[in-house]
Each structure stands twice: as C-alpha cells, then as structure tokens.
C-alpha cells in the first residue's frame, strides 16, 4: 500500500526550467551539427621524379608509402557530434475514463571521439519530458507527467583475441508527479539511479556474441506506505521514505547473425529496506527480492517494396513479496495472497512497411501481451477473490500510419492505433482492466 504525501501548493518552476534547458540544448545541438568545421584533408603532391642518367638503364621503381602511425597520418575527422530530437503529440479516447492528450519531448546531445583506430569515447546527455498535451496543465482532470535527466559515458576498445569491450557509466534523475497533491521533488515515485555496465562484443563462427553485466543502484527518497504509518503512527514513519531503494544486478547474452537477433537476460532486484509482509499483518525479517528472466527474438527481412520486422519475448517474474488486502479500514481479517507478484508473460508483435517511394512509406504494427499470475486470483466487481482461478490479462494495440522522410535527417509519422485490454479481473475501482481506446499521434524525429 502506498502513501501519497499531502501538499497544498503546486509550483511550475521545474517545468519552466526544464523547457528552457530543452530549448537551449536543442539550439546548441543544431548550431553544433550544421556549423562544425570538417578538417580538410591535406593533399600533398608527390615530389617530381628525377630524370634518369643517360648511362643508367631506365628502371621503374615502386614507391613505398611512409609508415605513419595514428597521429601522423593526414588530419581527419576524429570528433563527431551526435544529436537526436523526438517530439510526439497525441490524444486518446478510451471507453472507460476521460479523453486525454499526451505530449513527449526528448532531446539527446552527445559526441563521439575517436582517439585511435581501436579506442573510442562516447558521451551523451538526454532530457525527456512526458506529460499532458493539447490542454492546460492543471484543471479538474490531472495527467501524470515526468521529467528525466540522464548522462551516459561509454569508452570502448578493441582488444585482440577478445573483441570490442565497452564500459558504460550512467546517471539518471527523474521527477514524477502522479497526483495534484504532489509537487516536483516530492513525488512518490521520484528516483535517482546510477550504475555501470560491461559489454563484450565478439564474432564467433559467423555469429556476433554480446555478453554483458550491469549494476544499477536506485533510490526512491519519498516512497513509503500506509501500513507502517498505521502501525507506528509517528512523523518518522511518514517521512522515512526509501522503501523502494534497491540494487539491480543483471546479466545478459545477445546472439545475432543477420537478419536474426536473440537475447536472454536475468535481473535481480534486491531491496535495501523493504521487507516481506506475513499473513499476520506484520513485516518479517526477510527483505524483498525480485527476479525477472527474459528471452527475446526478432529478425528483419524484405520482399520487393515490403519490409517485415517481427519480434517476440517471454518474461518470468518471481518475487518473495506477499500481499495483504484490507477490505475496509480496521479490517481484522484481511485477505493474504502469497507470492502475489509472480507471473509469466509472453509478447508478440512487429511492423510491416510498404515503401511507396524513397522517402514515403505506409506501415502497420501489432503488439500483443498475455500475462498470467501464478498465485494471484482475480476479483469480482465487488472485490471478492475468486479462489481457484488465476488472474489473466491480455492487452495490446493494432494500427498503422504514414511515414514521411522529409530530409536525410528528419522524419514525420502520423499513426492510429486501437488499444485494448481484457482481463478476468473485474474489480476496476482504481485501475481499469477491461477497455478499448482509439489513439492518434503525430511524431517528429530529427536524427542525423
């Protein structure tokens, strides 16, 4: 159970600052990309050949190229700026709930520096905003919004007999408002993350293998829950936060050979403070641990003017956390569901493109997901558990649109999707599980 902190004043300062920085970095990136000077290649003419002596036979000699190392070769472009800008505006009309509009802006600015033929350095800054669009930010209806800053630094090196080794370090800071009674900086799901990953890319028998390891430390400074406040009833319990703080350890392996890609990964989330809850309504000594195993696959192929990109995935989550449902305040016999968050899920989807011209294409897409919980039973419309059954939800989207490549660097997409969800979970007082909706979106991308 979560606790939403009560505040009385909503500030717009962070939204204004984020918009200013987004506009600033967008301007800087455009100027950098289009005005970055290319270092001219030095074109040195070979020295004129000397005329052979009269008495000497005319023998044609082969000129030897000088042995130049990385830093004495003719100047070339070692520094390459990187920029990507994405803008999306859409609106949705669901069968349950109200019409809402959404807005997404993402700007990435970075650079690649080629120190030598075998050593490269890459840095990137990403600013992303997700929230309401085509409507005022506040009013009777509220739409969740988030601002995320992330920094990435990745040096890579080619090592003989090993392959390409990539070491990535990253920092992420996200502010999220999930209700009108939250302000920036005090959101329930605000978090900071930092970590690193190690990736090795190697060709073996025509296959590209990519084993990787990633460690992420995540902190949720404002997250707490109601149960602790009811049990402890003091200010310390209300302001403690940090219950979602966790370390995530992940190992993965990618195998690819054109046009096929396969992947397998295992990630373990170890919570620092969150303990599992027992059937008696009290927290036990064991801390929560979640494990997610995933297998993915996709390939790309084309036939005449058609291009196909099908993909599939299977996920399995196992958690030692349980769930205690109180039917009303003061309920002395709540429902206890052991391993409430364990599930198996598979996904199928893909895209198909019909290339009309070199710059225009029609596309269609499909996304289908099926999740079944291993122990959690569904609930009726009145909230009663249907013991002996397992909760199952199927959701996805069908649609298509038009893609127009305006220039070498910019692309427009106009798309329509029919979204749906069907579930044997009928208790929908807070979260809808059975609905359909119509989504129309316009997207613009600049990616040199």
Protein backbone atom coordinates (compact mmCIF):
# COMPACT_ATOMS: atom_id res chain seq x y z
CA UNK A 1 0.00 0.00 0.00
CA UNK A 2 1.42 3.37 -0.89
CA UNK A 3 1.26 6.73 0.75
CA UNK A 4 0.73 9.92 -1.25
CA UNK A 5 2.03 12.91 0.61
CA UNK A 6 -0.31 15.85 1.08
CA UNK A 7 0.79 19.27 -0.07
CA UNK A 8 -1.08 22.47 -0.58
CA UNK A 9 0.95 24.36 -3.18
CA UNK A 10 1.85 23.40 -6.74
CA UNK A 11 4.86 25.01 -8.35
CA UNK A 12 5.67 25.35 -12.03
CA UNK A 13 9.33 26.33 -11.62
CA UNK A 14 10.78 22.93 -12.57
CA UNK A 15 8.60 22.68 -15.67
CA UNK A 16 9.78 26.12 -16.82
CA UNK A 17 13.43 25.31 -16.13
CA UNK A 18 13.18 22.00 -17.98
CA UNK A 19 11.60 23.67 -21.01
CA UNK A 20 14.34 26.33 -21.02
CA UNK A 21 17.14 23.75 -20.91
CA UNK A 22 15.41 21.65 -23.57
CA UNK A 23 15.19 24.65 -25.91
CA UNK A 24 18.78 25.66 -25.11
CA UNK A 25 20.30 22.24 -25.79
CA UNK A 26 18.21 21.90 -28.95
CA UNK A 27 19.58 25.21 -30.25
CA UNK A 28 23.17 24.32 -29.31
CA UNK A 29 22.90 20.92 -30.97
CA UNK A 30 21.57 22.35 -34.23
CA UNK A 31 24.31 25.00 -34.34
CA UNK A 32 26.99 22.43 -33.48
CA UNK A 33 25.87 19.96 -36.09
CA UNK A 34 25.46 22.34 -39.00
CA UNK A 35 28.49 24.55 -38.32
CA UNK A 36 31.04 22.03 -37.07
CA UNK A 37 34.11 22.51 -39.25
CA UNK A 38 35.45 19.50 -41.06
CA UNK A 39 39.17 19.38 -41.05
CA UNK A 40 40.33 19.42 -44.60
CA UNK A 41 42.33 16.55 -45.90
CA UNK A 42 45.88 17.58 -46.66
CA UNK A 43 46.55 16.77 -50.26
CA UNK A 44 50.32 16.62 -50.76
CA UNK A 45 51.53 16.17 -54.30
CA UNK A 46 54.35 13.67 -54.70
CA UNK A 47 57.73 15.17 -55.49
CA UNK A 48 58.64 15.24 -59.18
CA UNK A 49 60.62 12.31 -60.42
CA UNK A 50 64.22 12.96 -61.35
CA UNK A 51 65.23 12.22 -64.87
CA UNK A 52 67.43 9.11 -65.07
CA UNK A 53 71.06 9.47 -66.07
CA UNK A 54 71.85 8.78 -69.71
CA UNK A 55 74.13 5.88 -68.96
CA UNK A 56 71.79 4.24 -66.48
CA UNK A 57 69.06 1.88 -67.68
CA UNK A 58 65.52 3.12 -67.20
CA UNK A 59 64.16 1.04 -64.35
CA UNK A 60 60.71 1.77 -62.92
CA UNK A 61 60.93 1.76 -59.12
CA UNK A 62 57.99 1.16 -56.78
CA UNK A 63 57.28 3.96 -54.36
CA UNK A 64 56.97 2.92 -50.76
CA UNK A 65 54.26 4.51 -48.60
CA UNK A 66 55.62 6.07 -45.44
CA UNK A 67 54.86 4.17 -42.25
CA UNK A 68 52.58 6.66 -40.49
CA UNK A 69 51.05 5.98 -37.12
CA UNK A 70 47.64 7.17 -35.90
CA UNK A 71 48.69 10.68 -35.06
CA UNK A 72 50.97 11.43 -38.06
CA UNK A 73 48.53 10.46 -40.78
CA UNK A 74 46.79 13.27 -42.67
CA UNK A 75 44.21 15.03 -40.49
CA UNK A 76 40.76 13.52 -40.47
CA UNK A 77 37.55 13.85 -38.54
CA UNK A 78 38.09 12.44 -35.05
CA UNK A 79 35.28 14.28 -33.32
CA UNK A 80 31.71 13.60 -34.42
CA UNK A 81 28.75 15.34 -32.74
CA UNK A 82 25.59 13.37 -32.09
CA UNK A 83 22.09 14.75 -31.80
CA UNK A 84 18.59 13.28 -31.70
CA UNK A 85 15.34 15.11 -31.13
CA UNK A 86 11.91 13.49 -30.78
CA UNK A 87 8.57 15.20 -30.47
CA UNK A 88 5.23 13.46 -30.11
CA UNK A 89 1.71 14.75 -29.66
CA UNK A 90 -1.32 12.50 -29.42
CA UNK A 91 -4.74 12.05 -27.90
CA UNK A 92 -6.71 9.04 -26.75
CA UNK A 93 -10.42 8.30 -26.45
CA UNK A 94 -10.91 5.27 -24.17
CA UNK A 95 -14.19 3.52 -23.43
CA UNK A 96 -13.51 3.92 -19.70
CA UNK A 97 -12.30 7.21 -18.34
CA UNK A 98 -11.99 10.59 -19.98
CA UNK A 99 -10.44 11.88 -23.17
CA UNK A 100 -6.82 12.84 -22.61
CA UNK A 101 -3.93 14.20 -24.62
CA UNK A 102 -0.28 13.31 -24.20
CA UNK A 103 2.93 15.06 -25.06
CA UNK A 104 6.51 13.78 -25.25
CA UNK A 105 9.70 15.68 -25.99
CA UNK A 106 13.14 14.08 -25.92
CA UNK A 107 16.44 15.71 -26.77
CA UNK A 108 19.77 13.90 -26.85
CA UNK A 109 23.09 15.70 -27.26
CA UNK A 110 26.41 13.94 -27.35
CA UNK A 111 29.63 13.32 -29.20
CA UNK A 112 31.89 10.51 -30.33
CA UNK A 113 35.65 10.98 -30.11
CA UNK A 114 37.88 8.55 -31.95
CA UNK A 115 41.16 8.67 -30.07
CA UNK A 116 42.75 5.91 -32.17
CA UNK A 117 41.56 3.22 -34.55
CA UNK A 118 40.90 1.00 -31.53
CA UNK A 119 39.83 3.42 -28.81
CA UNK A 120 36.61 5.47 -28.89
CA UNK A 121 34.90 7.67 -26.33
CA UNK A 122 31.18 8.46 -26.38
CA UNK A 123 29.23 10.85 -24.14
CA UNK A 124 25.51 11.63 -24.13
CA UNK A 125 23.03 13.82 -22.26
CA UNK A 126 19.30 13.07 -22.52
CA UNK A 127 16.41 15.27 -21.41
CA UNK A 128 12.91 13.78 -21.72
CA UNK A 129 9.52 15.19 -20.77
CA UNK A 130 6.33 13.11 -20.73
CA UNK A 131 3.02 14.65 -19.80
CA UNK A 132 -0.23 16.25 -20.92
CA UNK A 133 -0.53 17.99 -24.26
CA UNK A 134 -3.13 19.95 -26.25
CA UNK A 135 -4.64 21.05 -22.94
CA UNK A 136 -3.79 23.16 -19.94
CA UNK A 137 -1.55 21.51 -17.38
CA UNK A 138 -3.97 21.81 -14.48
CA UNK A 139 -7.71 21.64 -14.07
CA UNK A 140 -10.38 19.22 -12.98
CA UNK A 141 -8.56 16.37 -14.70
CA UNK A 142 -4.93 15.53 -13.97
CA UNK A 143 -2.49 13.68 -16.22
CA UNK A 144 0.68 12.16 -14.84
CA UNK A 145 3.87 13.84 -16.00
CA UNK A 146 7.60 13.24 -15.63
CA UNK A 147 10.92 14.93 -16.39
CA UNK A 148 14.02 12.77 -16.73
CA UNK A 149 17.68 13.75 -17.00
CA UNK A 150 20.30 11.13 -17.84
CA UNK A 151 24.03 11.17 -18.53
CA UNK A 152 25.99 8.39 -20.24
CA UNK A 153 29.72 7.98 -20.76
CA UNK A 154 31.00 4.98 -22.71
CA UNK A 155 34.62 4.27 -23.63
CA UNK A 156 35.20 1.31 -25.94
CA UNK A 157 38.32 -0.52 -27.02
CA UNK A 158 39.18 -3.24 -29.50
CA UNK A 159 41.22 -5.90 -27.71
CA UNK A 160 42.96 -8.55 -29.75
CA UNK A 161 41.63 -12.09 -29.19
CA UNK A 162 38.81 -10.66 -27.01
CA UNK A 163 36.74 -8.34 -29.21
CA UNK A 164 35.24 -4.93 -28.59
CA UNK A 165 35.00 -4.09 -24.88
CA UNK A 166 32.53 -1.39 -23.82
CA UNK A 167 32.41 0.08 -20.31
CA UNK A 168 29.40 2.32 -19.74
CA UNK A 169 28.67 4.55 -16.77
CA UNK A 170 25.32 6.31 -16.34
CA UNK A 171 23.36 8.59 -14.01
CA UNK A 172 19.57 9.12 -14.15
CA UNK A 173 17.38 11.57 -12.24
CA UNK A 174 13.62 11.50 -12.71
CA UNK A 175 10.94 13.72 -11.17
CA UNK A 176 7.37 12.44 -11.49
CA UNK A 177 4.01 13.85 -10.44
CA UNK A 178 1.32 11.19 -10.13
CA UNK A 179 -1.31 13.41 -8.47
CA UNK A 180 -2.36 17.02 -7.96
CA UNK A 181 -1.27 16.81 -4.33
CA UNK A 182 2.38 16.31 -5.29
CA UNK A 183 4.99 18.88 -6.26
CA UNK A 184 8.23 18.46 -8.14
CA UNK A 185 10.86 16.99 -5.88
CA UNK A 186 8.36 15.33 -3.51
CA UNK A 187 6.71 12.85 -5.87
CA UNK A 188 6.10 9.36 -4.57
CA UNK A 189 7.99 7.77 -7.47
CA UNK A 190 10.86 10.26 -7.84
CA UNK A 191 14.11 8.36 -8.16
CA UNK A 192 17.82 8.64 -8.84
CA UNK A 193 19.82 5.85 -10.43
CA UNK A 194 23.50 5.37 -11.10
CA UNK A 195 25.47 2.41 -12.30
CA UNK A 196 27.70 0.87 -14.91
CA UNK A 197 27.70 -1.94 -17.45
CA UNK A 198 30.38 -4.04 -19.09
CA UNK A 199 29.77 -5.38 -22.60
CA UNK A 200 31.99 -7.56 -24.78
CA UNK A 201 31.26 -7.99 -28.49
CA UNK A 202 32.96 -10.85 -30.31
CA UNK A 203 32.48 -12.70 -33.61
CA UNK A 204 32.44 -16.49 -33.29
CA UNK A 205 31.79 -18.76 -36.29
CA UNK A 206 29.82 -16.05 -38.06
CA UNK A 207 27.74 -15.16 -35.00
CA UNK A 208 28.08 -11.97 -33.00
CA UNK A 209 28.08 -12.69 -29.26
CA UNK A 210 27.43 -9.89 -26.75
CA UNK A 211 27.67 -10.96 -23.10
CA UNK A 212 27.03 -8.12 -20.62
CA UNK A 213 26.82 -7.33 -16.93
CA UNK A 214 25.01 -4.32 -15.42
CA UNK A 215 24.80 -2.95 -11.88
CA UNK A 216 22.30 -0.21 -11.01
CA UNK A 217 21.71 1.47 -7.66
CA UNK A 218 18.26 3.08 -7.43
CA UNK A 219 16.97 5.39 -4.70
CA UNK A 220 13.35 6.47 -4.11
CA UNK A 221 13.69 9.15 -1.43
CA UNK A 222 9.94 9.79 -0.97
CA UNK A 223 8.42 6.33 -1.19
CA UNK A 224 6.69 4.98 1.92
CA UNK A 225 3.44 3.11 2.67
CA UNK A 226 0.33 3.45 4.83
CA UNK A 227 0.74 0.23 6.78
CA UNK A 228 3.89 1.45 8.50
CA UNK A 229 2.18 4.70 9.43
CA UNK A 230 -0.80 2.86 10.88
CA UNK A 231 1.49 0.60 12.90
CA UNK A 232 4.00 3.22 14.05
CA UNK A 233 1.81 6.37 13.94
CA UNK A 234 4.62 8.87 14.16
CA UNK A 235 6.17 11.51 11.96
CA UNK A 236 9.32 9.45 11.40
CA UNK A 237 7.30 6.70 9.75
CA UNK A 238 5.57 9.20 7.46
CA UNK A 239 8.75 10.88 6.28
CA UNK A 240 11.12 7.94 6.28
CA UNK A 241 10.84 7.11 2.57
CA UNK A 242 13.38 4.96 0.77
CA UNK A 243 11.32 1.78 0.92
CA UNK A 244 11.87 1.18 -2.80
CA UNK A 245 15.66 1.68 -2.67
CA UNK A 246 17.25 -1.23 -4.47
CA UNK A 247 20.30 -2.61 -6.24
CA UNK A 248 19.70 -4.27 -9.59
CA UNK A 249 22.13 -6.89 -10.87
CA UNK A 250 21.67 -8.04 -14.46
CA UNK A 251 23.50 -10.42 -16.79
CA UNK A 252 22.58 -10.87 -20.43
CA UNK A 253 23.71 -12.56 -23.62
CA UNK A 254 22.93 -11.42 -27.14
CA UNK A 255 23.42 -13.62 -30.21
CA UNK A 256 22.95 -12.18 -33.67
CA UNK A 257 23.52 -13.16 -37.24
CA UNK A 258 21.83 -11.14 -39.90
CA UNK A 259 18.91 -10.90 -40.04
CA UNK A 260 18.25 -12.71 -36.72
CA UNK A 261 18.74 -11.46 -33.15
CA UNK A 262 18.29 -13.48 -29.97
CA UNK A 263 18.70 -12.40 -26.37
CA UNK A 264 18.47 -13.76 -22.84
CA UNK A 265 18.77 -11.86 -19.57
CA UNK A 266 18.34 -12.31 -15.83
CA UNK A 267 17.97 -9.34 -13.48
CA UNK A 268 17.78 -9.48 -9.70
CA UNK A 269 16.32 -6.60 -7.67
CA UNK A 270 17.49 -6.61 -4.06
CA UNK A 271 15.61 -4.10 -1.90
CA UNK A 272 17.60 -2.38 0.83
CA UNK A 273 14.74 -1.53 3.23
CA UNK A 274 11.53 -3.21 2.05
CA UNK A 275 10.76 -6.40 3.96
CA UNK A 276 8.18 -9.01 3.05
CA UNK A 277 4.84 -8.99 4.81
CA UNK A 278 3.48 -12.00 6.68
CA UNK A 279 -0.03 -13.38 6.98
CA UNK A 280 -0.37 -11.89 10.46
CA UNK A 281 -0.09 -8.35 9.07
CA UNK A 282 3.42 -7.63 10.27
CA UNK A 283 6.70 -7.32 8.39
CA UNK A 284 9.14 -10.23 8.61
CA UNK A 285 12.91 -10.11 8.79
CA UNK A 286 13.46 -11.18 5.18
CA UNK A 287 13.91 -8.41 2.62
CA UNK A 288 12.14 -8.32 -0.72
CA UNK A 289 13.90 -9.76 -3.76
CA UNK A 290 12.52 -9.88 -7.31
CA UNK A 291 13.98 -11.88 -10.20
CA UNK A 292 12.99 -11.29 -13.83
CA UNK A 293 14.08 -13.70 -16.58
CA UNK A 294 13.53 -12.69 -20.20
CA UNK A 295 14.06 -14.25 -23.62
CA UNK A 296 13.70 -12.13 -26.77
CA UNK A 297 13.99 -12.64 -30.51
CA UNK A 298 13.45 -10.65 -33.70
CA UNK A 299 14.52 -10.52 -37.32
CA UNK A 300 14.20 -8.16 -40.27
CA UNK A 301 13.55 -9.13 -43.87
CA UNK A 302 12.23 -7.53 -47.04
CA UNK A 303 10.40 -8.59 -50.19
CA UNK A 304 10.01 -6.19 -53.11
CA UNK A 305 8.66 -2.98 -51.53
CA UNK A 306 7.71 -4.66 -48.25
CA UNK A 307 9.81 -4.80 -45.08
CA UNK A 308 8.95 -7.04 -42.13
CA UNK A 309 10.21 -6.77 -38.54
CA UNK A 310 8.50 -9.40 -36.33
CA UNK A 311 9.54 -9.86 -32.69
CA UNK A 312 8.63 -11.92 -29.65
CA UNK A 313 9.51 -12.20 -25.96
CA UNK A 314 8.86 -14.32 -22.87
CA UNK A 315 9.20 -12.96 -19.32
CA UNK A 316 9.00 -14.65 -15.97
CA UNK A 317 8.97 -12.76 -12.68
CA UNK A 318 9.43 -14.32 -9.27
CA UNK A 319 9.18 -12.35 -6.03
CA UNK A 320 9.14 -13.32 -2.38
CA UNK A 321 6.79 -10.42 -1.58
CA UNK A 322 3.24 -11.16 -0.45
CA UNK A 323 0.07 -9.06 -0.42
CA UNK A 324 -2.36 -8.17 2.34
CA UNK A 325 -5.74 -6.78 1.24
CA UNK A 326 -7.87 -4.91 3.76
CA UNK A 327 -11.49 -4.74 2.69
CA UNK A 328 -12.14 -1.71 4.88
CA UNK A 329 -10.33 0.46 7.39
CA UNK A 330 -9.84 -1.55 10.58
CA UNK A 331 -10.41 -4.94 8.92
CA UNK A 332 -9.10 -7.57 11.37
CA UNK A 333 -9.13 -10.49 8.90
CA UNK A 334 -7.57 -9.24 5.65
CA UNK A 335 -7.01 -11.47 2.63
CA UNK A 336 -3.45 -12.82 2.38
CA UNK A 337 -2.03 -13.70 -1.06
CA UNK A 338 1.36 -15.40 -1.01
CA UNK A 339 3.82 -14.57 -3.84
CA UNK A 340 1.28 -12.10 -5.16
CA UNK A 341 3.57 -10.61 -7.82
CA UNK A 342 4.78 -13.79 -9.59
CA UNK A 343 3.71 -14.02 -13.23
CA UNK A 344 4.52 -15.48 -16.65
CA UNK A 345 4.15 -13.27 -19.71
CA UNK A 346 4.69 -13.55 -23.42
CA UNK A 347 4.64 -10.85 -26.09
CA UNK A 348 4.27 -10.95 -29.85
CA UNK A 349 4.44 -8.05 -32.24
CA UNK A 350 6.07 -6.47 -35.20
CA UNK A 351 5.88 -3.96 -38.00
CA UNK A 352 5.41 -4.14 -41.75
CA UNK A 353 6.38 -1.32 -44.12
CA UNK A 354 5.23 -0.67 -47.68
CA UNK A 355 7.79 1.64 -49.26
CA UNK A 356 5.90 3.84 -51.72
CA UNK A 357 8.91 5.97 -52.65
CA UNK A 358 12.40 6.50 -51.31
CA UNK A 359 11.00 8.95 -48.73
CA UNK A 360 7.40 7.83 -48.09
CA UNK A 361 6.03 4.59 -46.65
CA UNK A 362 2.90 3.09 -45.17
CA UNK A 363 3.26 0.91 -42.08
CA UNK A 364 1.21 -1.35 -39.89
CA UNK A 365 2.00 -2.57 -36.39
CA UNK A 366 0.78 -5.12 -33.87
CA UNK A 367 1.55 -5.60 -30.18
CA UNK A 368 0.03 -8.42 -28.10
CA UNK A 369 0.80 -9.26 -24.46
CA UNK A 370 -0.55 -12.05 -22.27
CA UNK A 371 0.19 -12.12 -18.53
CA UNK A 372 -0.91 -14.82 -16.09
CA UNK A 373 -0.18 -14.60 -12.36
CA UNK A 374 0.91 -17.87 -10.80
CA UNK A 375 -0.90 -17.50 -7.46
CA UNK A 376 -2.94 -14.28 -7.56
CA UNK A 377 -6.67 -14.96 -8.03
CA UNK A 378 -8.92 -12.50 -9.89
CA UNK A 379 -11.55 -10.43 -8.08
CA UNK A 380 -15.19 -9.89 -8.82
CA UNK A 381 -16.79 -6.49 -9.30
CA UNK A 382 -17.41 -6.28 -5.54
CA UNK A 383 -13.76 -7.06 -4.74
CA UNK A 384 -14.16 -10.71 -3.65
CA UNK A 385 -11.32 -13.06 -4.61
CA UNK A 386 -12.27 -15.97 -6.89
CA UNK A 387 -10.13 -18.64 -5.27
CA UNK A 388 -9.08 -21.49 -7.54
CA UNK A 389 -8.58 -19.17 -10.54
CA UNK A 390 -5.55 -17.21 -11.69
CA UNK A 391 -5.65 -13.60 -12.78
CA UNK A 392 -5.03 -13.23 -16.52
CA UNK A 393 -4.83 -10.09 -18.62
CA UNK A 394 -4.41 -9.73 -22.38
CA UNK A 395 -3.63 -6.30 -23.79
CA UNK A 396 -2.13 -4.80 -26.90
CA UNK A 397 -2.56 -2.48 -29.85
CA UNK A 398 -3.25 -2.68 -33.58
CA UNK A 399 -2.72 0.13 -36.04
CA UNK A 400 -0.70 1.79 -38.73
CA UNK A 401 0.12 5.07 -40.34
CA UNK A 402 2.22 7.07 -42.75
CA UNK A 403 5.95 7.71 -42.52
CA UNK A 404 7.48 10.60 -44.45
CA UNK A 405 11.22 11.21 -44.53
CA UNK A 406 11.33 14.95 -45.17
CA UNK A 407 15.12 15.27 -45.31
CA UNK A 408 18.09 13.00 -44.70
CA UNK A 409 17.82 13.85 -41.00
CA UNK A 410 14.10 14.38 -40.23
CA UNK A 411 11.06 12.11 -40.34
CA UNK A 412 7.34 12.61 -39.72
CA UNK A 413 4.98 9.84 -38.57
CA UNK A 414 1.19 10.04 -38.39
CA UNK A 415 -0.37 6.96 -36.84
CA UNK A 416 -3.58 5.48 -35.48
CA UNK A 417 -3.85 2.61 -33.00
CA UNK A 418 -6.68 0.68 -31.45
CA UNK A 419 -5.65 -0.25 -27.92
CA UNK A 420 -7.44 -2.87 -25.84
CA UNK A 421 -7.27 -4.82 -22.61
CA UNK A 422 -9.27 -7.86 -21.48
CA UNK A 423 -9.00 -9.48 -18.08
CA UNK A 424 -10.87 -11.72 -15.68
CA UNK A 425 -10.08 -9.06 -13.06
CA UNK A 426 -13.41 -7.24 -12.64
CA UNK A 427 -12.54 -5.02 -9.68
CA UNK A 428 -11.81 -1.78 -11.51
CA UNK A 429 -12.48 0.87 -8.91
CA UNK A 430 -8.96 2.29 -9.20
CA UNK A 431 -7.37 0.69 -12.29
CA UNK A 432 -9.28 -0.31 -15.46
CA UNK A 433 -8.53 -3.80 -16.74
CA UNK A 434 -11.21 -4.12 -19.47
CA UNK A 435 -11.38 -1.36 -22.06
CA UNK A 436 -10.71 -0.30 -25.65
CA UNK A 437 -9.44 3.01 -26.91
CA UNK A 438 -8.51 4.98 -30.00
CA UNK A 439 -5.14 6.72 -30.14
CA UNK A 440 -3.98 9.16 -32.81
CA UNK A 441 -0.48 10.56 -32.72
CA UNK A 442 1.84 12.81 -34.70
CA UNK A 443 5.57 12.26 -34.22
CA UNK A 444 8.60 14.17 -35.48
CA UNK A 445 12.19 12.89 -35.27
CA UNK A 446 15.49 14.56 -36.11
CA UNK A 447 18.39 12.10 -36.15
CA UNK A 448 21.49 12.98 -38.21
